Amino acid sequence: MERKLRKAVFFDRDGTLNVDHGYVHEWVNFTWIPGARDAIKLANDNQYLVFVVTNQSGIGRGYYGKEDVNKLHVQMNHDLAKIGAHVDAFEFCPHHPEEANPEYLKTCNCRKPAPGMLIKLIGEWQVNTSESLMIGDNKSDVAAATKAKVAGHLFTGNNLFDFFSQLVKN
């Protein structure tokens, strides 16, 4: 039996969902961007799958481990649950092409602007790319979206809910 394709919103993490303090990997250093939690709730309420796709070269550089990122993502969902919201899946890339420990020192297909994280989620979750979008604070986020055939939107505002709600209306 074939599943119906679903629309999705892909969010970058640092600088889009949370304030980018530099290599954020612990809940104590995590601060939601204004409107981010409500934007995720709005996406949930409008039947979007919600994904977070984030470059995490701090892993490759040895600043923290994959388990730290996974714990932070669990805590994000725990905090979102307080308002009835959730992220369906998180993907992160630990690689860096120039500055990383040997096992992570490479040019890969998952580090944005490459589309690998999006393509993986699109396949696993049977996403309808024509009804989906990516929101990020860097041109590399928009480039990854374009390569994955998803509409990319550059977030440069102060409130993610205000930004996302305008996209949902259109």
N, C-alpha and C. Protein backbone atom coordinates (compact mmCIF):
# COMPACT_ATOMS: atom_id res chain seq x y z
N MET A 1 0.84 -1.19 0.00
CA MET A 1 0.00 0.00 0.00
C MET A 1 0.88 1.25 0.00
N GLU A 2 0.59 2.14 -0.91
CA GLU A 2 1.39 3.35 -1.03
C GLU A 2 0.89 4.43 -0.09
N ARG A 3 1.84 5.08 0.60
CA ARG A 3 1.46 6.18 1.49
C ARG A 3 1.31 7.47 0.69
N LYS A 4 0.41 8.31 1.16
CA LYS A 4 0.22 9.62 0.55
C LYS A 4 1.43 10.50 0.87
N LEU A 5 1.90 11.23 -0.14
CA LEU A 5 3.00 12.15 0.08
C LEU A 5 2.52 13.30 0.97
N ARG A 6 3.38 13.73 1.89
CA ARG A 6 3.02 14.79 2.84
C ARG A 6 3.91 16.00 2.67
N LYS A 7 3.35 17.15 2.97
CA LYS A 7 4.13 18.39 2.94
C LYS A 7 4.98 18.48 4.20
N ALA A 8 6.09 19.21 4.09
CA ALA A 8 7.01 19.32 5.21
C ALA A 8 7.62 20.72 5.25
N VAL A 9 8.03 21.10 6.44
CA VAL A 9 8.85 22.30 6.60
C VAL A 9 10.16 21.86 7.23
N PHE A 10 11.25 22.26 6.59
CA PHE A 10 12.60 21.98 7.05
C PHE A 10 13.12 23.26 7.68
N PHE A 11 13.51 23.19 8.94
CA PHE A 11 14.08 24.35 9.62
C PHE A 11 15.57 24.12 9.84
N ASP A 12 16.37 25.13 9.53
CA ASP A 12 17.73 25.16 10.03
C ASP A 12 17.62 25.33 11.54
N ARG A 13 18.65 25.04 12.29
CA ARG A 13 18.56 25.18 13.74
C ARG A 13 19.20 26.48 14.22
N ASP A 14 20.53 26.53 14.28
CA ASP A 14 21.23 27.68 14.86
C ASP A 14 21.02 28.93 14.00
N GLY A 15 20.44 29.95 14.59
CA GLY A 15 20.17 31.19 13.88
C GLY A 15 18.77 31.25 13.31
N THR A 16 18.07 30.13 13.31
CA THR A 16 16.69 30.09 12.81
C THR A 16 15.74 29.70 13.93
N LEU A 17 15.99 28.57 14.58
CA LEU A 17 15.16 28.15 15.71
C LEU A 17 15.71 28.65 17.04
N ASN A 18 17.01 28.74 17.14
CA ASN A 18 17.63 29.21 18.38
C ASN A 18 18.69 30.27 18.08
N VAL A 19 18.95 31.08 19.08
CA VAL A 19 19.99 32.09 18.96
C VAL A 19 21.33 31.38 18.78
N ASP A 20 22.08 31.81 17.78
CA ASP A 20 23.36 31.18 17.48
C ASP A 20 24.45 31.81 18.33
N HIS A 21 24.71 31.17 19.48
CA HIS A 21 25.77 31.63 20.37
C HIS A 21 27.12 31.03 19.97
N GLY A 22 27.12 30.19 18.95
CA GLY A 22 28.35 29.51 18.52
C GLY A 22 28.46 28.14 19.15
N TYR A 23 28.32 27.11 18.32
CA TYR A 23 28.47 25.71 18.74
C TYR A 23 27.54 25.35 19.91
N VAL A 24 26.29 25.71 19.79
CA VAL A 24 25.29 25.39 20.82
C VAL A 24 25.08 23.88 20.84
N HIS A 25 25.32 23.26 22.01
CA HIS A 25 25.15 21.81 22.12
C HIS A 25 24.62 21.39 23.49
N GLU A 26 24.34 22.37 24.35
CA GLU A 26 23.78 22.06 25.67
C GLU A 26 22.56 22.92 25.90
N TRP A 27 21.56 22.34 26.58
CA TRP A 27 20.32 23.05 26.83
C TRP A 27 20.54 24.36 27.59
N VAL A 28 21.49 24.39 28.49
CA VAL A 28 21.76 25.59 29.28
C VAL A 28 22.15 26.78 28.38
N ASN A 29 22.68 26.51 27.20
CA ASN A 29 23.09 27.57 26.27
C ASN A 29 22.09 27.77 25.14
N PHE A 30 20.97 27.10 25.21
CA PHE A 30 19.96 27.15 24.14
C PHE A 30 18.92 28.22 24.45
N THR A 31 18.70 29.12 23.51
CA THR A 31 17.67 30.15 23.64
C THR A 31 16.85 30.15 22.35
N TRP A 32 15.55 29.90 22.47
CA TRP A 32 14.68 29.92 21.30
C TRP A 32 14.67 31.31 20.66
N ILE A 33 14.68 31.37 19.35
CA ILE A 33 14.42 32.61 18.61
C ILE A 33 12.96 33.00 18.90
N PRO A 34 12.66 34.27 19.06
CA PRO A 34 11.27 34.67 19.28
C PRO A 34 10.35 34.09 18.19
N GLY A 35 9.27 33.48 18.64
CA GLY A 35 8.29 32.92 17.72
C GLY A 35 8.62 31.53 17.20
N ALA A 36 9.78 30.97 17.53
CA ALA A 36 10.18 29.67 16.97
C ALA A 36 9.26 28.54 17.44
N ARG A 37 8.99 28.49 18.72
CA ARG A 37 8.13 27.41 19.23
C ARG A 37 6.73 27.51 18.61
N ASP A 38 6.21 28.73 18.51
CA ASP A 38 4.88 28.91 17.93
C ASP A 38 4.87 28.61 16.43
N ALA A 39 5.98 28.87 15.74
CA ALA A 39 6.08 28.52 14.32
C ALA A 39 6.01 27.01 14.13
N ILE A 40 6.70 26.27 14.99
CA ILE A 40 6.66 24.80 14.91
C ILE A 40 5.25 24.30 15.20
N LYS A 41 4.59 24.88 16.19
CA LYS A 41 3.21 24.51 16.52
C LYS A 41 2.29 24.80 15.34
N LEU A 42 2.46 25.96 14.70
CA LEU A 42 1.66 26.30 13.54
C LEU A 42 1.87 25.28 12.41
N ALA A 43 3.10 24.88 12.21
CA ALA A 43 3.40 23.86 11.20
C ALA A 43 2.70 22.55 11.55
N ASN A 44 2.80 22.12 12.82
CA ASN A 44 2.12 20.90 13.26
C ASN A 44 0.61 21.01 13.02
N ASP A 45 0.04 22.14 13.42
CA ASP A 45 -1.41 22.34 13.30
C ASP A 45 -1.88 22.37 11.86
N ASN A 46 -0.99 22.73 10.94
CA ASN A 46 -1.32 22.77 9.51
C ASN A 46 -0.86 21.51 8.76
N GLN A 47 -0.64 20.43 9.51
CA GLN A 47 -0.30 19.11 8.97
C GLN A 47 1.00 19.05 8.19
N TYR A 48 1.93 19.93 8.53
CA TYR A 48 3.28 19.81 7.98
C TYR A 48 4.08 18.84 8.82
N LEU A 49 4.87 18.00 8.19
CA LEU A 49 5.93 17.31 8.91
C LEU A 49 6.95 18.38 9.25
N VAL A 50 7.56 18.30 10.42
CA VAL A 50 8.54 19.30 10.84
C VAL A 50 9.89 18.62 11.03
N PHE A 51 10.88 19.13 10.29
CA PHE A 51 12.22 18.58 10.34
C PHE A 51 13.22 19.69 10.69
N VAL A 52 14.27 19.31 11.40
CA VAL A 52 15.39 20.20 11.66
C VAL A 52 16.60 19.60 10.94
N VAL A 53 17.24 20.42 10.12
CA VAL A 53 18.45 20.00 9.39
C VAL A 53 19.55 21.00 9.73
N THR A 54 20.62 20.51 10.34
CA THR A 54 21.62 21.43 10.89
C THR A 54 23.04 20.94 10.67
N ASN A 55 23.89 21.84 10.19
CA ASN A 55 25.33 21.56 10.12
C ASN A 55 25.87 21.64 11.55
N GLN A 56 26.61 20.63 11.96
CA GLN A 56 27.18 20.59 13.32
C GLN A 56 28.66 20.25 13.24
N SER A 57 29.44 21.16 12.66
CA SER A 57 30.88 20.90 12.51
C SER A 57 31.59 20.88 13.86
N GLY A 58 30.94 21.34 14.92
CA GLY A 58 31.53 21.25 16.25
C GLY A 58 31.83 19.81 16.65
N ILE A 59 31.05 18.88 16.12
CA ILE A 59 31.32 17.44 16.36
C ILE A 59 32.63 17.08 15.69
N GLY A 60 32.73 17.42 14.41
CA GLY A 60 33.93 17.11 13.65
C GLY A 60 35.19 17.78 14.20
N ARG A 61 35.00 18.93 14.78
CA ARG A 61 36.13 19.67 15.35
C ARG A 61 36.49 19.19 16.76
N GLY A 62 35.67 18.28 17.30
CA GLY A 62 35.96 17.72 18.62
C GLY A 62 35.48 18.58 19.78
N TYR A 63 34.62 19.55 19.53
CA TYR A 63 34.13 20.42 20.61
C TYR A 63 33.07 19.72 21.46
N TYR A 64 32.35 18.81 20.85
CA TYR A 64 31.30 18.03 21.54
C TYR A 64 30.99 16.82 20.69
N GLY A 65 30.19 15.91 21.23
CA GLY A 65 29.91 14.66 20.53
C GLY A 65 28.50 14.59 19.97
N LYS A 66 28.28 13.57 19.15
CA LYS A 66 26.95 13.34 18.57
C LYS A 66 25.90 13.18 19.67
N GLU A 67 26.28 12.51 20.77
CA GLU A 67 25.33 12.29 21.86
C GLU A 67 24.88 13.61 22.48
N ASP A 68 25.75 14.62 22.50
CA ASP A 68 25.38 15.93 23.02
C ASP A 68 24.30 16.58 22.14
N VAL A 69 24.48 16.47 20.83
CA VAL A 69 23.50 17.03 19.90
C VAL A 69 22.17 16.28 20.03
N ASN A 70 22.25 14.96 20.11
CA ASN A 70 21.02 14.18 20.27
C ASN A 70 20.28 14.54 21.56
N LYS A 71 21.01 14.72 22.65
CA LYS A 71 20.38 15.11 23.93
C LYS A 71 19.72 16.47 23.81
N LEU A 72 20.38 17.40 23.14
CA LEU A 72 19.79 18.73 22.96
C LEU A 72 18.50 18.64 22.14
N HIS A 73 18.49 17.83 21.12
CA HIS A 73 17.29 17.68 20.29
C HIS A 73 16.15 17.04 21.07
N VAL A 74 16.46 16.08 21.91
CA VAL A 74 15.43 15.50 22.79
C VAL A 74 14.86 16.59 23.70
N GLN A 75 15.72 17.41 24.27
CA GLN A 75 15.26 18.49 25.15
C GLN A 75 14.41 19.51 24.38
N MET A 76 14.78 19.80 23.15
CA MET A 76 13.97 20.70 22.34
C MET A 76 12.55 20.16 22.20
N ASN A 77 12.43 18.88 21.88
CA ASN A 77 11.10 18.29 21.74
C ASN A 77 10.36 18.24 23.07
N HIS A 78 11.08 18.00 24.15
CA HIS A 78 10.46 18.01 25.48
C HIS A 78 9.88 19.40 25.77
N ASP A 79 10.62 20.43 25.45
CA ASP A 79 10.16 21.80 25.67
C ASP A 79 8.98 22.13 24.74
N LEU A 80 9.04 21.70 23.51
CA LEU A 80 7.94 21.92 22.56
C LEU A 80 6.66 21.21 23.00
N ALA A 81 6.80 20.05 23.62
CA ALA A 81 5.62 19.29 24.06
C ALA A 81 4.78 20.10 25.05
N LYS A 82 5.40 21.01 25.77
CA LYS A 82 4.66 21.85 26.74
C LYS A 82 3.60 22.71 26.07
N ILE A 83 3.78 23.00 24.77
CA ILE A 83 2.78 23.78 24.04
C ILE A 83 2.07 22.93 22.97
N GLY A 84 2.23 21.62 23.06
CA GLY A 84 1.56 20.73 22.12
C GLY A 84 2.20 20.69 20.75
N ALA A 85 3.50 20.92 20.69
CA ALA A 85 4.22 20.93 19.41
C ALA A 85 5.33 19.88 19.42
N HIS A 86 5.88 19.60 18.24
CA HIS A 86 6.98 18.63 18.15
C HIS A 86 7.70 18.76 16.82
N VAL A 87 8.93 18.28 16.81
CA VAL A 87 9.71 18.09 15.59
C VAL A 87 9.65 16.61 15.28
N ASP A 88 9.33 16.28 14.02
CA ASP A 88 9.21 14.87 13.63
C ASP A 88 10.56 14.18 13.52
N ALA A 89 11.56 14.90 13.02
CA ALA A 89 12.89 14.29 12.87
C ALA A 89 13.96 15.36 12.82
N PHE A 90 15.13 14.99 13.32
CA PHE A 90 16.31 15.85 13.32
C PHE A 90 17.39 15.17 12.49
N GLU A 91 18.08 15.92 11.67
CA GLU A 91 19.25 15.44 10.95
C GLU A 91 20.37 16.44 11.17
N PHE A 92 21.58 15.93 11.35
CA PHE A 92 22.73 16.83 11.47
C PHE A 92 23.93 16.26 10.74
N CYS A 93 24.77 17.18 10.28
CA CYS A 93 26.00 16.81 9.58
C CYS A 93 27.19 17.19 10.45
N PRO A 94 28.03 16.22 10.81
CA PRO A 94 29.20 16.49 11.66
C PRO A 94 30.46 16.85 10.87
N HIS A 95 30.37 16.84 9.54
CA HIS A 95 31.57 16.98 8.70
C HIS A 95 31.95 18.44 8.46
N HIS A 96 33.21 18.60 8.08
CA HIS A 96 33.69 19.89 7.60
C HIS A 96 34.79 19.60 6.58
N PRO A 97 34.80 20.32 5.46
CA PRO A 97 35.78 20.01 4.40
C PRO A 97 37.21 20.45 4.70
N GLU A 98 37.40 21.35 5.69
CA GLU A 98 38.74 21.88 5.92
C GLU A 98 39.21 21.81 7.37
N GLU A 99 38.29 21.93 8.32
CA GLU A 99 38.67 21.99 9.74
C GLU A 99 37.92 20.95 10.55
N ALA A 100 38.50 19.76 10.67
CA ALA A 100 37.86 18.71 11.44
C ALA A 100 38.88 17.62 11.76
N ASN A 101 38.52 16.80 12.74
CA ASN A 101 39.31 15.62 13.03
C ASN A 101 39.23 14.67 11.83
N PRO A 102 40.23 13.81 11.65
CA PRO A 102 40.31 13.00 10.43
C PRO A 102 39.03 12.27 10.02
N GLU A 103 38.31 11.67 10.97
CA GLU A 103 37.12 10.90 10.56
C GLU A 103 36.00 11.78 10.01
N TYR A 104 36.03 13.07 10.31
CA TYR A 104 34.98 13.99 9.86
C TYR A 104 35.47 15.00 8.83
N LEU A 105 36.73 14.90 8.47
CA LEU A 105 37.33 15.84 7.52
C LEU A 105 37.04 15.36 6.10
N LYS A 106 35.96 15.89 5.53
CA LYS A 106 35.62 15.50 4.16
C LYS A 106 34.55 16.41 3.59
N THR A 107 34.51 16.43 2.29
CA THR A 107 33.41 17.06 1.59
C THR A 107 32.35 15.98 1.42
N CYS A 108 31.16 16.25 1.93
CA CYS A 108 30.11 15.24 1.95
C CYS A 108 28.87 15.76 1.23
N ASN A 109 27.87 14.92 1.14
CA ASN A 109 26.61 15.30 0.52
C ASN A 109 25.59 15.77 1.56
N CYS A 110 25.97 15.78 2.85
CA CYS A 110 24.99 16.18 3.86
C CYS A 110 25.22 17.60 4.38
N ARG A 111 26.41 18.12 4.30
CA ARG A 111 26.66 19.47 4.81
C ARG A 111 26.05 20.50 3.86
N LYS A 112 25.12 21.30 4.39
CA LYS A 112 24.54 22.35 3.56
C LYS A 112 25.64 23.30 3.10
N PRO A 113 25.69 23.66 1.85
CA PRO A 113 24.59 23.73 0.89
C PRO A 113 24.28 22.44 0.13
N ALA A 114 24.95 21.35 0.41
CA ALA A 114 24.57 20.07 -0.22
C ALA A 114 23.19 19.66 0.32
N PRO A 115 22.42 18.94 -0.47
CA PRO A 115 21.03 18.63 -0.09
C PRO A 115 20.83 17.31 0.63
N GLY A 116 21.90 16.62 1.01
CA GLY A 116 21.79 15.26 1.52
C GLY A 116 20.84 15.06 2.69
N MET A 117 20.86 15.95 3.67
CA MET A 117 19.96 15.78 4.83
C MET A 117 18.50 15.89 4.41
N LEU A 118 18.21 16.83 3.53
CA LEU A 118 16.84 17.00 3.06
C LEU A 118 16.41 15.79 2.23
N ILE A 119 17.27 15.37 1.32
CA ILE A 119 16.93 14.23 0.45
C ILE A 119 16.68 12.97 1.27
N LYS A 120 17.48 12.76 2.30
CA LYS A 120 17.28 11.60 3.17
C LYS A 120 15.90 11.64 3.82
N LEU A 121 15.53 12.78 4.38
CA LEU A 121 14.22 12.92 5.03
C LEU A 121 13.07 12.82 4.02
N ILE A 122 13.25 13.40 2.85
CA ILE A 122 12.23 13.34 1.80
C ILE A 122 11.92 11.89 1.46
N GLY A 123 12.97 11.07 1.32
CA GLY A 123 12.78 9.66 1.01
C GLY A 123 12.19 8.86 2.15
N GLU A 124 12.72 9.07 3.36
CA GLU A 124 12.24 8.30 4.52
C GLU A 124 10.81 8.63 4.89
N TRP A 125 10.40 9.86 4.71
CA TRP A 125 9.08 10.31 5.15
C TRP A 125 8.10 10.51 3.99
N GLN A 126 8.51 10.20 2.78
CA GLN A 126 7.69 10.36 1.58
C GLN A 126 7.08 11.76 1.52
N VAL A 127 7.97 12.73 1.36
CA VAL A 127 7.61 14.14 1.36
C VAL A 127 7.26 14.60 -0.05
N ASN A 128 6.22 15.39 -0.15
CA ASN A 128 5.84 16.06 -1.39
C ASN A 128 6.66 17.34 -1.47
N THR A 129 7.69 17.34 -2.27
CA THR A 129 8.60 18.49 -2.32
C THR A 129 7.92 19.75 -2.86
N SER A 130 6.94 19.59 -3.73
CA SER A 130 6.30 20.78 -4.31
C SER A 130 5.43 21.53 -3.31
N GLU A 131 5.07 20.90 -2.21
CA GLU A 131 4.26 21.55 -1.17
C GLU A 131 5.09 21.84 0.08
N SER A 132 6.40 21.68 -0.01
CA SER A 132 7.27 21.79 1.16
C SER A 132 8.16 23.01 1.07
N LEU A 133 8.76 23.38 2.20
CA LEU A 133 9.64 24.54 2.24
C LEU A 133 10.73 24.37 3.28
N MET A 134 11.78 25.15 3.09
CA MET A 134 12.92 25.20 4.00
C MET A 134 13.08 26.63 4.46
N ILE A 135 13.31 26.80 5.76
CA ILE A 135 13.58 28.12 6.32
C ILE A 135 14.93 28.08 7.02
N GLY A 136 15.80 28.99 6.63
CA GLY A 136 17.12 29.07 7.25
C GLY A 136 17.64 30.48 7.21
N ASP A 137 18.68 30.71 7.98
CA ASP A 137 19.24 32.06 8.09
C ASP A 137 20.48 32.27 7.23
N ASN A 138 20.82 31.29 6.41
CA ASN A 138 22.01 31.38 5.55
C ASN A 138 21.65 31.03 4.12
N LYS A 139 22.41 31.60 3.19
CA LYS A 139 22.21 31.27 1.77
C LYS A 139 22.44 29.78 1.52
N SER A 140 23.28 29.15 2.34
CA SER A 140 23.54 27.71 2.16
C SER A 140 22.28 26.89 2.46
N ASP A 141 21.42 27.38 3.35
CA ASP A 141 20.15 26.69 3.63
C ASP A 141 19.24 26.74 2.40
N VAL A 142 19.15 27.92 1.80
CA VAL A 142 18.32 28.10 0.61
C VAL A 142 18.88 27.28 -0.55
N ALA A 143 20.19 27.23 -0.68
CA ALA A 143 20.82 26.46 -1.75
C ALA A 143 20.54 24.97 -1.58
N ALA A 144 20.61 24.47 -0.36
CA ALA A 144 20.31 23.05 -0.11
C ALA A 144 18.86 22.75 -0.47
N ALA A 145 17.96 23.65 -0.11
CA ALA A 145 16.55 23.47 -0.43
C ALA A 145 16.35 23.41 -1.94
N THR A 146 16.95 24.34 -2.65
CA THR A 146 16.81 24.40 -4.11
C THR A 146 17.29 23.11 -4.75
N LYS A 147 18.43 22.61 -4.27
CA LYS A 147 18.98 21.36 -4.82
C LYS A 147 18.09 20.16 -4.51
N ALA A 148 17.31 20.24 -3.41
CA ALA A 148 16.40 19.16 -3.04
C ALA A 148 15.00 19.37 -3.64
N LYS A 149 14.85 20.42 -4.46
CA LYS A 149 13.58 20.75 -5.10
C LYS A 149 12.50 21.15 -4.10
N VAL A 150 12.94 21.89 -3.07
CA VAL A 150 12.07 22.42 -2.03
C VAL A 150 12.22 23.94 -2.06
N ALA A 151 11.14 24.67 -1.87
CA ALA A 151 11.21 26.14 -1.83
C ALA A 151 12.03 26.58 -0.62
N GLY A 152 13.04 27.38 -0.85
CA GLY A 152 13.90 27.87 0.23
C GLY A 152 13.59 29.32 0.57
N HIS A 153 13.55 29.62 1.86
CA HIS A 153 13.24 30.97 2.33
C HIS A 153 14.30 31.41 3.34
N LEU A 154 14.85 32.60 3.10
CA LEU A 154 15.89 33.15 3.97
C LEU A 154 15.23 33.92 5.11
N PHE A 155 15.46 33.47 6.33
CA PHE A 155 14.91 34.13 7.52
C PHE A 155 15.90 35.17 8.01
N THR A 156 15.49 36.43 7.94
CA THR A 156 16.35 37.51 8.42
C THR A 156 15.62 38.38 9.42
N GLY A 157 14.43 37.94 9.81
CA GLY A 157 13.61 38.75 10.70
C GLY A 157 13.89 38.48 12.17
N ASN A 158 13.01 39.04 12.97
CA ASN A 158 13.15 38.91 14.42
C ASN A 158 12.23 37.87 15.02
N ASN A 159 11.15 37.52 14.31
CA ASN A 159 10.15 36.62 14.87
C ASN A 159 9.82 35.54 13.85
N LEU A 160 10.16 34.30 14.17
CA LEU A 160 9.97 33.20 13.23
C LEU A 160 8.49 32.90 12.99
N PHE A 161 7.65 33.05 14.01
CA PHE A 161 6.22 32.82 13.83
C PHE A 161 5.65 33.79 12.80
N ASP A 162 5.99 35.06 12.92
CA ASP A 162 5.50 36.06 11.97
C ASP A 162 5.96 35.72 10.55
N PHE A 163 7.21 35.32 10.41
CA PHE A 163 7.77 34.96 9.11
C PHE A 163 7.06 33.74 8.53
N PHE A 164 6.95 32.69 9.33
CA PHE A 164 6.36 31.44 8.84
C PHE A 164 4.87 31.59 8.57
N SER A 165 4.17 32.32 9.41
CA SER A 165 2.72 32.46 9.21
C SER A 165 2.41 33.16 7.89
N GLN A 166 3.27 34.06 7.43
CA GLN A 166 3.09 34.69 6.13
C GLN A 166 3.28 33.67 4.99
N LEU A 167 4.18 32.73 5.18
CA LEU A 167 4.40 31.70 4.16
C LEU A 167 3.25 30.72 4.09
N VAL A 168 2.67 30.40 5.25
CA VAL A 168 1.55 29.46 5.30
C VAL A 168 0.31 30.06 4.64
N LYS A 169 0.12 31.36 4.77
CA LYS A 169 -1.03 32.03 4.17
C LYS A 169 -1.00 32.01 2.66
N ASN A 170 0.22 32.05 2.08
CA ASN A 170 0.36 32.12 0.62
C ASN A 170 0.12 30.82 -0.07
